[in-house]
């Protein structure tokens, strides 16, 4: 599968590899969508390498992770590609949706990595289908990626996306981790606001996009090699929005190994993510690189 009208907006050498910022005409979204890719030096000769899909949080774009996370040096050493999509539809057709521009940062307007079912959002807000049915299947035609070795991680809203997509698509990802994820969006203000708009008022439909509820529904541990989650205890969103204890309880109930690390003094931002990045890339490398060798 080719990505329609793919164009490179910029390209930069980085730790022996290359960071590229790209745009294509998305069939699923119906609008141009942007993403970034870091290809490590191990892929320079065309040898397919494993990849990590990173989903960013509210207010972020395809640039945020590549610029702020400090992941490229570590990924180059491990031989991991990095993929960072934009978080939401954008452009005039998206911002003209009533209410989108005014509340983009916190709830409606932000993508939440799902397919909206309610008008007017259902026309373009199809983030899950874009990622799972278009972007990931299409990338190996353009980059030397091993589609059988893909991990997923994310931050905040993107941590929610990483957890839910990993659980909603069994077998598609071989490793999973998250930084300060929204673990129970059906029970927090951000999630309630977004799900009401995107999915409607029938809350029973929301559970299919709630990581804690999805984990509770598992018949067996979906990631027997373990899930890694890091959470800062100075995070101003922890008590009201994130609820890691609910994911912890759900994992315990189904026997899913979970390493949930709570860090005194760390907040919700990218200084926290930078501080924990080496451990997350090592976690994914064990599943994607070391076990294959």
Protein backbone atom coordinates (compact mmCIF):
# COMPACT_ATOMS: atom_id res chain seq x y z
CA UNK A 1 0.00 0.00 0.00
CA UNK A 2 1.33 3.43 -0.96
CA UNK A 3 0.60 6.60 0.97
CA UNK A 4 -1.25 8.90 -1.41
CA UNK A 5 0.72 11.94 -2.66
CA UNK A 6 3.43 11.50 -0.04
CA UNK A 7 5.84 14.41 0.11
CA UNK A 8 8.83 15.15 2.29
CA UNK A 9 8.58 18.56 3.93
CA UNK A 10 12.09 18.48 5.40
CA UNK A 11 14.84 15.99 6.15
CA UNK A 12 17.70 16.17 8.66
CA UNK A 13 20.71 13.99 9.45
CA UNK A 14 20.64 12.87 13.07
CA UNK A 15 22.96 10.44 14.93
CA UNK A 16 23.91 8.71 11.70
CA UNK A 17 20.31 8.34 10.60
CA UNK A 18 17.68 10.68 9.21
CA UNK A 19 14.68 12.52 10.64
CA UNK A 20 12.03 13.31 8.02
CA UNK A 21 8.85 15.35 8.31
CA UNK A 22 6.22 14.26 5.80
CA UNK A 23 2.67 14.86 4.60
CA UNK A 24 0.23 12.78 2.55
CA UNK A 25 -3.38 12.93 1.41
CA UNK A 26 -5.18 10.63 3.82
CA UNK A 27 -8.01 8.56 2.41
CA UNK A 28 -9.28 7.78 5.91
CA UNK A 29 -9.21 11.33 7.25
CA UNK A 30 -10.09 13.04 3.98
CA UNK A 31 -7.47 15.72 4.66
CA UNK A 32 -3.69 16.07 4.44
CA UNK A 33 -2.02 14.45 7.46
CA UNK A 34 1.50 14.93 8.72
CA UNK A 35 3.91 12.62 10.50
CA UNK A 36 7.62 12.28 11.19
CA UNK A 37 9.99 9.33 10.88
CA UNK A 38 13.47 8.71 12.26
CA UNK A 39 15.34 6.00 10.37
CA UNK A 40 18.44 4.71 12.20
CA UNK A 41 21.77 4.11 10.46
CA UNK A 42 21.11 0.34 10.42
CA UNK A 43 18.47 0.95 7.72
CA UNK A 44 20.74 2.93 5.41
CA UNK A 45 21.40 -0.07 3.14
CA UNK A 46 17.73 -0.93 2.85
CA UNK A 47 17.69 -3.56 5.62
CA UNK A 48 14.26 -3.49 7.32
CA UNK A 49 14.41 -2.42 10.96
CA UNK A 50 11.85 -2.64 13.78
CA UNK A 51 9.89 0.50 14.58
CA UNK A 52 8.21 2.27 17.46
CA UNK A 53 5.00 4.22 16.94
CA UNK A 54 4.83 7.15 19.36
CA UNK A 55 1.49 8.87 20.02
CA UNK A 56 1.77 12.38 21.46
CA UNK A 57 -0.62 14.17 23.80
CA UNK A 58 -2.98 17.11 23.77
CA UNK A 59 -1.65 20.28 22.07
CA UNK A 60 1.14 18.35 20.29
CA UNK A 61 1.98 17.80 16.61
CA UNK A 62 4.19 15.46 14.58
CA UNK A 63 7.16 17.68 15.54
CA UNK A 64 6.86 17.52 19.33
CA UNK A 65 8.36 14.10 19.98
CA UNK A 66 11.19 14.41 17.46
CA UNK A 67 12.25 17.79 18.85
CA UNK A 68 11.69 17.35 22.59
CA UNK A 69 11.94 13.68 23.60
CA UNK A 70 15.66 13.07 23.08
CA UNK A 71 15.02 9.62 21.63
CA UNK A 72 17.05 9.57 18.40
CA UNK A 73 20.50 8.81 19.83
CA UNK A 74 19.15 5.87 21.80
CA UNK A 75 17.07 4.64 18.86
CA UNK A 76 20.13 4.83 16.60
CA UNK A 77 22.14 2.73 19.03
CA UNK A 78 19.35 0.12 19.26
CA UNK A 79 18.53 0.10 15.54
CA UNK A 80 14.94 1.25 16.05
CA UNK A 81 12.94 3.46 13.70
CA UNK A 82 10.62 6.04 15.29
CA UNK A 83 7.25 7.09 13.85
CA UNK A 84 5.41 10.12 15.27
CA UNK A 85 2.06 11.07 13.69
CA UNK A 86 0.20 14.30 14.23
CA UNK A 87 -2.42 14.09 16.96
CA UNK A 88 -5.48 15.38 15.10
CA UNK A 89 -6.91 16.43 11.73
CA UNK A 90 -5.89 19.99 10.87
CA UNK A 91 -6.32 22.63 8.21
CA UNK A 92 -9.32 24.78 7.25
CA UNK A 93 -11.72 21.84 6.89
CA UNK A 94 -10.92 20.69 10.41
CA UNK A 95 -10.82 24.04 12.19
CA UNK A 96 -14.13 25.06 10.59
CA UNK A 97 -15.95 22.32 12.53
CA UNK A 98 -18.05 24.18 15.14
CA UNK A 99 -16.27 24.20 18.47
CA UNK A 100 -13.04 22.60 17.26
CA UNK A 101 -10.73 25.60 17.25
CA UNK A 102 -12.03 26.95 20.54
CA UNK A 103 -11.43 23.77 22.52
CA UNK A 104 -8.68 21.96 20.59
CA UNK A 105 -6.30 21.71 23.51
CA UNK A 106 -8.48 19.93 26.05
CA UNK A 107 -11.02 17.50 24.66
CA UNK A 108 -13.05 18.09 21.53
CA UNK A 109 -10.78 18.81 18.58
CA UNK A 110 -7.93 16.67 19.88
CA UNK A 111 -7.86 13.32 18.13
CA UNK A 112 -7.93 10.82 21.05
CA UNK A 113 -6.85 8.15 18.54
CA UNK A 114 -10.35 6.89 17.81
CA UNK A 115 -12.89 7.04 14.97
CA UNK A 116 -15.70 9.45 15.80
CA UNK A 117 -19.21 8.21 15.15
CA UNK A 118 -21.10 11.47 15.73
CA UNK A 119 -21.57 14.42 13.36
CA UNK A 120 -19.84 16.69 12.61
CA UNK A 121 -16.73 14.92 13.90
CA UNK A 122 -17.26 11.62 12.06
CA UNK A 123 -16.29 13.12 8.69
CA UNK A 124 -12.62 13.71 9.48
CA UNK A 125 -11.92 12.46 13.01
CA UNK A 126 -10.86 8.92 12.04
CA UNK A 127 -7.51 8.69 13.80
CA UNK A 128 -7.67 4.98 14.58
CA UNK A 129 -8.39 4.05 10.96
CA UNK A 130 -5.70 6.43 9.71
CA UNK A 131 -3.06 4.86 11.92
CA UNK A 132 -4.07 1.20 11.72
CA UNK A 133 -5.48 0.88 8.20
CA UNK A 134 -3.47 3.48 6.31
CA UNK A 135 -0.30 4.88 7.88
CA UNK A 136 1.23 1.74 9.42
CA UNK A 137 0.41 -0.53 6.44
CA UNK A 138 1.62 2.14 4.01
CA UNK A 139 4.96 3.05 5.54
CA UNK A 140 6.95 -0.07 4.52
CA UNK A 141 6.46 0.87 0.86
CA UNK A 142 8.45 4.04 1.53
CA UNK A 143 10.79 3.15 4.41
CA UNK A 144 12.82 0.08 5.31
CA UNK A 145 10.56 -1.04 8.16
CA UNK A 146 9.92 -4.57 9.40
CA UNK A 147 6.12 -4.66 9.72
CA UNK A 148 6.31 -7.77 11.91
CA UNK A 149 8.25 -5.89 14.60
CA UNK A 150 6.30 -2.81 15.67
CA UNK A 151 5.99 -1.44 19.20
CA UNK A 152 3.77 1.37 20.45
CA UNK A 153 4.11 3.96 23.19
CA UNK A 154 2.75 7.40 23.95
CA UNK A 155 2.23 10.23 26.42
CA UNK A 156 -0.94 11.45 28.15
CA UNK A 157 -3.71 11.36 25.49
CA UNK A 158 -1.19 9.45 23.39
CA UNK A 159 -0.58 7.07 26.27
CA UNK A 160 -4.31 6.42 26.22
CA UNK A 161 -4.03 5.85 22.47
CA UNK A 162 -1.10 3.47 22.81
CA UNK A 163 -2.84 1.38 25.45
CA UNK A 164 -6.20 1.23 23.68
CA UNK A 165 -4.87 0.57 20.17
CA UNK A 166 -2.59 -2.17 21.51
CA UNK A 167 -5.56 -3.83 23.22
CA UNK A 168 -8.03 -3.25 20.39
CA UNK A 169 -5.71 -4.74 17.74
CA UNK A 170 -4.28 -7.98 19.13
CA UNK A 171 -1.06 -9.06 17.49
CA UNK A 172 -0.36 -5.78 15.71
CA UNK A 173 2.16 -4.55 18.29
CA UNK A 174 4.86 -6.61 19.94
CA UNK A 175 5.63 -4.20 22.79
CA UNK A 176 3.79 -1.52 24.77
CA UNK A 177 4.63 1.30 27.16
CA UNK A 178 3.32 4.73 28.17
CA UNK A 179 4.28 7.96 29.91
CA UNK A 180 1.60 9.42 32.21
CA UNK A 181 -1.29 7.90 30.20
CA UNK A 182 -4.98 8.70 30.57
CA UNK A 183 -5.87 5.25 31.92
CA UNK A 184 -9.62 5.56 32.41
CA UNK A 185 -10.98 8.23 30.02
CA UNK A 186 -14.60 7.28 30.73
CA UNK A 187 -14.01 8.56 34.28
CA UNK A 188 -12.06 11.79 33.76
CA UNK A 189 -13.05 15.25 32.46
CA UNK A 190 -10.87 15.14 29.34
CA UNK A 191 -12.25 11.78 28.29
CA UNK A 192 -15.86 12.55 29.13
CA UNK A 193 -15.73 15.75 27.08
CA UNK A 194 -14.12 14.08 24.08
CA UNK A 195 -16.16 10.87 24.14
CA UNK A 196 -19.45 12.78 24.50
CA UNK A 197 -18.67 14.68 21.33
CA UNK A 198 -17.06 11.91 19.29
CA UNK A 199 -19.06 8.86 20.40
CA UNK A 200 -22.35 10.28 21.70
CA UNK A 201 -24.07 10.06 25.06
CA UNK A 202 -24.38 6.27 25.26
CA UNK A 203 -21.57 5.63 27.71
CA UNK A 204 -21.60 1.90 27.07
CA UNK A 205 -19.94 2.62 23.72
CA UNK A 206 -17.13 4.50 25.43
CA UNK A 207 -15.76 1.40 27.17
CA UNK A 208 -14.30 0.13 23.88
CA UNK A 209 -11.83 3.05 24.10
CA UNK A 210 -11.04 2.88 27.83
CA UNK A 211 -7.73 1.14 28.57
CA UNK A 212 -8.73 -0.03 32.03
CA UNK A 213 -12.05 -1.43 30.81
CA UNK A 214 -10.37 -3.08 27.83
CA UNK A 215 -7.78 -4.71 30.08
CA UNK A 216 -10.49 -6.01 32.41
CA UNK A 217 -12.13 -7.70 29.40
CA UNK A 218 -9.03 -9.72 28.46
CA UNK A 219 -9.23 -13.49 28.88
CA UNK A 220 -5.46 -13.69 29.37
CA UNK A 221 -2.48 -11.36 29.59
CA UNK A 222 -2.16 -9.72 26.15
CA UNK A 223 1.49 -8.69 26.75
CA UNK A 224 3.09 -11.49 28.76
CA UNK A 225 6.47 -9.81 28.36
CA UNK A 226 5.15 -6.90 30.40
CA UNK A 227 3.90 -3.32 29.99
CA UNK A 228 5.92 -0.36 31.25
CA UNK A 229 4.20 2.80 32.55
CA UNK A 230 5.95 5.77 34.15
CA UNK A 231 4.06 8.41 36.14
CA UNK A 232 5.35 11.57 37.81
CA UNK A 233 3.96 12.28 41.27
CA UNK A 234 4.25 16.07 40.77
CA UNK A 235 2.00 15.78 37.70
CA UNK A 236 -0.80 18.32 38.12
CA UNK A 237 -3.15 16.09 36.09
CA UNK A 238 -2.57 12.90 38.06
CA UNK A 239 -5.47 12.96 40.53
CA UNK A 240 -8.22 14.24 38.24
CA UNK A 241 -7.32 13.01 34.76
CA UNK A 242 -4.91 10.06 34.66
CA UNK A 243 -5.96 7.34 37.20
CA UNK A 244 -3.06 4.88 36.77
CA UNK A 245 -4.35 2.92 39.75
CA UNK A 246 -7.33 1.79 37.63
CA UNK A 247 -5.04 0.32 34.98
CA UNK A 248 -2.96 -1.25 37.72
CA UNK A 249 -6.05 -2.96 39.19
CA UNK A 250 -7.21 -4.15 35.76
CA UNK A 251 -3.81 -5.66 34.96
CA UNK A 252 -3.73 -7.41 38.31
CA UNK A 253 -7.20 -8.87 37.67
CA UNK A 254 -6.19 -10.56 34.40
CA UNK A 255 -2.60 -11.44 35.30
CA UNK A 256 -1.02 -8.89 32.98
CA UNK A 257 2.55 -8.06 34.09
CA UNK A 258 2.74 -4.29 34.59
CA UNK A 259 5.67 -2.22 35.76
CA UNK A 260 4.07 1.00 37.00
CA UNK A 261 6.76 3.33 38.29
CA UNK A 262 5.83 6.42 40.30
CA UNK A 263 8.48 9.16 40.43
CA UNK A 264 8.59 11.85 43.11
CA UNK A 265 9.14 15.39 41.81
CA UNK A 266 8.42 14.74 38.13
CA UNK A 267 5.64 16.57 36.31
CA UNK A 268 3.68 15.92 33.09
CA UNK A 269 6.09 17.45 30.58
CA UNK A 270 8.91 16.46 28.28
CA UNK A 271 11.66 16.83 30.89
CA UNK A 272 9.95 13.85 32.56
CA UNK A 273 9.73 11.99 29.25
CA UNK A 274 13.40 12.66 28.46
CA UNK A 275 14.35 11.32 31.88
CA UNK A 276 12.56 8.00 31.33
CA UNK A 277 13.16 7.57 27.58
CA UNK A 278 16.19 5.26 27.86
CA UNK A 279 14.22 2.76 29.92
CA UNK A 280 11.31 2.80 27.47
CA UNK A 281 13.50 2.26 24.42
CA UNK A 282 15.31 -0.56 26.22
CA UNK A 283 11.93 -2.11 27.10
CA UNK A 284 10.90 -2.09 23.45
CA UNK A 285 14.30 -3.18 22.17
CA UNK A 286 14.12 -6.32 24.29
CA UNK A 287 10.92 -7.33 22.51
CA UNK A 288 11.69 -6.04 19.01
CA UNK A 289 15.44 -6.53 18.62
CA UNK A 290 16.99 -8.80 21.24
CA UNK A 291 14.38 -11.59 21.13
CA UNK A 292 14.64 -11.76 17.35
CA UNK A 293 18.45 -12.07 17.38
